[in-house]
């Protein structure tokens, strides 16, 4: 599975961005998907995950109520809608695919990773 993340950019605090992660090589409906982020000098951290069907989602406390993960399996794409962005959301965002449809919050559970897309939130 090859994953291509896009949609990052520079936005002011309070603004919104939508990240996309498109897969090639395999259909995604048999994979749980996740978004993670890594800020400079910090470890990669979990942001959100969604089951293969899209019916189950889970979020990090830091983004709950502001971010929404959803997927369109017909388009082989997973999205992360980010609203009410804060400067502390600044990071490189990575999408990842996990074989099997169950969600996970741990990086080690994921089998495939995209290249990352930079999100910068200015104050």
C-alpha atoms as a PDB file:
ATOM      1  CA  UNK A   1       0.000   0.000   0.000  1.00  0.00           C
ATOM      2  CA  UNK A   2       1.354   3.419  -0.939  1.00  0.00           C
ATOM      3  CA  UNK A   3      -0.089   6.353   0.946  1.00  0.00           C
ATOM      4  CA  UNK A   4       0.000   9.949  -0.238  1.00  0.00           C
ATOM      5  CA  UNK A   5      -0.892  12.645   2.270  1.00  0.00           C
ATOM      6  CA  UNK A   6      -1.797  16.158   1.196  1.00  0.00           C
ATOM      7  CA  UNK A   7      -3.636  19.261   2.327  1.00  0.00           C
ATOM      8  CA  UNK A   8      -1.225  20.735   4.804  1.00  0.00           C
ATOM      9  CA  UNK A   9      -0.312  24.392   4.872  1.00  0.00           C
ATOM     10  CA  UNK A  10      -0.086  27.577   6.879  1.00  0.00           C
ATOM     11  CA  UNK A  11      -3.209  28.776   8.665  1.00  0.00           C
ATOM     12  CA  UNK A  12      -4.002  31.250  11.410  1.00  0.00           C
ATOM     13  CA  UNK A  13      -5.162  30.097  14.809  1.00  0.00           C
ATOM     14  CA  UNK A  14      -8.866  29.360  14.722  1.00  0.00           C
ATOM     15  CA  UNK A  15      -8.758  28.364  11.089  1.00  0.00           C
ATOM     16  CA  UNK A  16      -9.391  25.055   9.385  1.00  0.00           C
ATOM     17  CA  UNK A  17      -7.607  22.605   7.130  1.00  0.00           C
ATOM     18  CA  UNK A  18      -8.596  19.292   5.603  1.00  0.00           C
ATOM     19  CA  UNK A  19      -5.920  16.666   5.138  1.00  0.00           C
ATOM     20  CA  UNK A  20      -6.328  13.856   2.644  1.00  0.00           C
ATOM     21  CA  UNK A  21      -4.615  10.502   2.440  1.00  0.00           C
ATOM     22  CA  UNK A  22      -5.041   8.573  -0.774  1.00  0.00           C
ATOM     23  CA  UNK A  23      -3.937   4.987  -1.159  1.00  0.00           C
ATOM     24  CA  UNK A  24      -2.762   3.080  -4.171  1.00  0.00           C
ATOM     25  CA  UNK A  25      -1.887  -0.542  -4.571  1.00  0.00           C
ATOM     26  CA  UNK A  26      -4.658  -1.929  -2.386  1.00  0.00           C
ATOM     27  CA  UNK A  27      -8.233  -1.035  -1.547  1.00  0.00           C
ATOM     28  CA  UNK A  28      -8.473   0.500   1.872  1.00  0.00           C
ATOM     29  CA  UNK A  29     -11.689  -1.018   3.155  1.00  0.00           C
ATOM     30  CA  UNK A  30      -9.752  -3.845   4.811  1.00  0.00           C
ATOM     31  CA  UNK A  31      -7.486  -1.430   6.657  1.00  0.00           C
ATOM     32  CA  UNK A  32      -7.986   0.663   9.714  1.00  0.00           C
ATOM     33  CA  UNK A  33      -6.460   4.088   9.187  1.00  0.00           C
ATOM     34  CA  UNK A  34      -4.809   6.544  11.490  1.00  0.00           C
ATOM     35  CA  UNK A  35      -3.451  10.044  11.580  1.00  0.00           C
ATOM     36  CA  UNK A  36      -0.399  10.844  13.660  1.00  0.00           C
ATOM     37  CA  UNK A  37       1.687  13.975  14.034  1.00  0.00           C
ATOM     38  CA  UNK A  38       5.202  14.870  14.989  1.00  0.00           C
ATOM     39  CA  UNK A  39       6.338  18.274  16.143  1.00  0.00           C
ATOM     40  CA  UNK A  40      10.028  19.279  16.103  1.00  0.00           C
ATOM     41  CA  UNK A  41      11.897  17.647  18.948  1.00  0.00           C
ATOM     42  CA  UNK A  42       8.936  15.511  19.964  1.00  0.00           C
ATOM     43  CA  UNK A  43       7.905  11.941  19.426  1.00  0.00           C
ATOM     44  CA  UNK A  44       5.266  11.000  16.904  1.00  0.00           C
ATOM     45  CA  UNK A  45       1.881  11.048  18.596  1.00  0.00           C
ATOM     46  CA  UNK A  46      -1.534   9.637  17.859  1.00  0.00           C
ATOM     47  CA  UNK A  47      -4.221  12.000  16.558  1.00  0.00           C
ATOM     48  CA  UNK A  48      -7.172   9.956  15.259  1.00  0.00           C
ATOM     49  CA  UNK A  49      -8.095   6.529  13.949  1.00  0.00           C
ATOM     50  CA  UNK A  50     -10.983   5.029  12.011  1.00  0.00           C
ATOM     51  CA  UNK A  51     -12.083   1.467  11.434  1.00  0.00           C
ATOM     52  CA  UNK A  52     -12.230  -0.160   8.018  1.00  0.00           C
ATOM     53  CA  UNK A  53     -15.955   0.448   7.694  1.00  0.00           C
ATOM     54  CA  UNK A  54     -15.737   3.976   9.041  1.00  0.00           C
ATOM     55  CA  UNK A  55     -18.243   3.273  11.795  1.00  0.00           C
ATOM     56  CA  UNK A  56     -15.740   3.463  14.664  1.00  0.00           C
ATOM     57  CA  UNK A  57     -13.502   6.440  15.339  1.00  0.00           C
ATOM     58  CA  UNK A  58     -11.290   7.477  18.217  1.00  0.00           C
ATOM     59  CA  UNK A  59      -9.425  10.685  18.956  1.00  0.00           C
ATOM     60  CA  UNK A  60      -6.651  11.965  21.126  1.00  0.00           C
ATOM     61  CA  UNK A  61      -7.986  14.139  23.921  1.00  0.00           C
ATOM     62  CA  UNK A  62      -6.067  17.104  22.562  1.00  0.00           C
ATOM     63  CA  UNK A  63      -8.074  17.153  19.316  1.00  0.00           C
ATOM     64  CA  UNK A  64     -11.420  15.749  20.399  1.00  0.00           C
ATOM     65  CA  UNK A  65     -14.262  18.023  19.352  1.00  0.00           C
ATOM     66  CA  UNK A  66     -12.057  19.909  16.892  1.00  0.00           C
ATOM     67  CA  UNK A  67     -10.858  17.230  14.458  1.00  0.00           C
ATOM     68  CA  UNK A  68     -12.925  14.714  12.520  1.00  0.00           C
ATOM     69  CA  UNK A  69     -11.600  11.645  10.748  1.00  0.00           C
ATOM     70  CA  UNK A  70     -13.675  10.110   7.975  1.00  0.00           C
ATOM     71  CA  UNK A  71     -13.133   7.966   4.944  1.00  0.00           C
ATOM     72  CA  UNK A  72     -14.466   7.353   1.465  1.00  0.00           C
ATOM     73  CA  UNK A  73     -13.547   3.802   0.592  1.00  0.00           C
ATOM     74  CA  UNK A  74     -14.841   4.225  -2.947  1.00  0.00           C
ATOM     75  CA  UNK A  75     -12.151   6.851  -3.439  1.00  0.00           C
ATOM     76  CA  UNK A  76      -9.566   4.986  -1.367  1.00  0.00           C
ATOM     77  CA  UNK A  77      -9.136   8.135   0.673  1.00  0.00           C
ATOM     78  CA  UNK A  78      -9.158   9.048   4.343  1.00  0.00           C
ATOM     79  CA  UNK A  79      -9.569  12.601   5.547  1.00  0.00           C
ATOM     80  CA  UNK A  80      -8.803  14.614   8.636  1.00  0.00           C
ATOM     81  CA  UNK A  81     -10.926  17.722   8.997  1.00  0.00           C
ATOM     82  CA  UNK A  82      -9.206  20.067  11.413  1.00  0.00           C
ATOM     83  CA  UNK A  83     -11.162  22.991  12.845  1.00  0.00           C
ATOM     84  CA  UNK A  84     -10.368  25.571  15.510  1.00  0.00           C
ATOM     85  CA  UNK A  85      -6.677  25.028  14.933  1.00  0.00           C
ATOM     86  CA  UNK A  86      -4.214  26.056  17.609  1.00  0.00           C
ATOM     87  CA  UNK A  87      -0.480  26.835  17.395  1.00  0.00           C
ATOM     88  CA  UNK A  88       0.184  23.631  19.344  1.00  0.00           C
ATOM     89  CA  UNK A  89      -1.308  21.672  16.427  1.00  0.00           C
ATOM     90  CA  UNK A  90       1.748  22.632  14.357  1.00  0.00           C
ATOM     91  CA  UNK A  91       3.457  19.434  13.222  1.00  0.00           C
ATOM     92  CA  UNK A  92       4.083  17.125  10.325  1.00  0.00           C
ATOM     93  CA  UNK A  93       0.969  14.981   9.955  1.00  0.00           C
ATOM     94  CA  UNK A  94       1.262  11.384   8.819  1.00  0.00           C
ATOM     95  CA  UNK A  95      -1.419   8.983   7.686  1.00  0.00           C
ATOM     96  CA  UNK A  96      -0.993   5.283   8.255  1.00  0.00           C
ATOM     97  CA  UNK A  97      -2.740   2.048   7.347  1.00  0.00           C
ATOM     98  CA  UNK A  98      -3.131  -0.964   9.608  1.00  0.00           C
ATOM     99  CA  UNK A  99      -3.956  -4.384   8.195  1.00  0.00           C
ATOM    100  CA  UNK A 100      -7.233  -5.543   9.720  1.00  0.00           C
ATOM    101  CA  UNK A 101     -10.224  -3.334  10.356  1.00  0.00           C
ATOM    102  CA  UNK A 102      -9.807  -2.698  14.099  1.00  0.00           C
ATOM    103  CA  UNK A 103      -8.631   0.708  15.240  1.00  0.00           C
ATOM    104  CA  UNK A 104      -5.388   1.362  17.111  1.00  0.00           C
ATOM    105  CA  UNK A 105      -3.672   4.331  18.721  1.00  0.00           C
ATOM    106  CA  UNK A 106      -0.135   2.937  18.667  1.00  0.00           C
ATOM    107  CA  UNK A 107       2.377   3.613  15.916  1.00  0.00           C
ATOM    108  CA  UNK A 108       3.702   0.075  16.061  1.00  0.00           C
ATOM    109  CA  UNK A 109       0.341  -1.331  14.985  1.00  0.00           C
ATOM    110  CA  UNK A 110       0.467   0.338  11.596  1.00  0.00           C
ATOM    111  CA  UNK A 111       1.994  -1.320   8.575  1.00  0.00           C
ATOM    112  CA  UNK A 112       2.174   1.466   6.021  1.00  0.00           C
ATOM    113  CA  UNK A 113       2.952   5.149   6.329  1.00  0.00           C
ATOM    114  CA  UNK A 114       2.581   8.168   4.108  1.00  0.00           C
ATOM    115  CA  UNK A 115       5.289  10.760   3.660  1.00  0.00           C
ATOM    116  CA  UNK A 116       3.786  13.424   5.895  1.00  0.00           C
ATOM    117  CA  UNK A 117       2.337  16.859   5.267  1.00  0.00           C
ATOM    118  CA  UNK A 118       3.305  19.999   7.184  1.00  0.00           C
ATOM    119  CA  UNK A 119       0.675  21.888   9.139  1.00  0.00           C
ATOM    120  CA  UNK A 120       1.682  25.237  10.592  1.00  0.00           C
ATOM    121  CA  UNK A 121      -0.690  27.257  12.745  1.00  0.00           C
ATOM    122  CA  UNK A 122       0.298  30.836  13.439  1.00  0.00           C
ATOM    123  CA  UNK A 123      -0.828  32.714  16.524  1.00  0.00           C
END
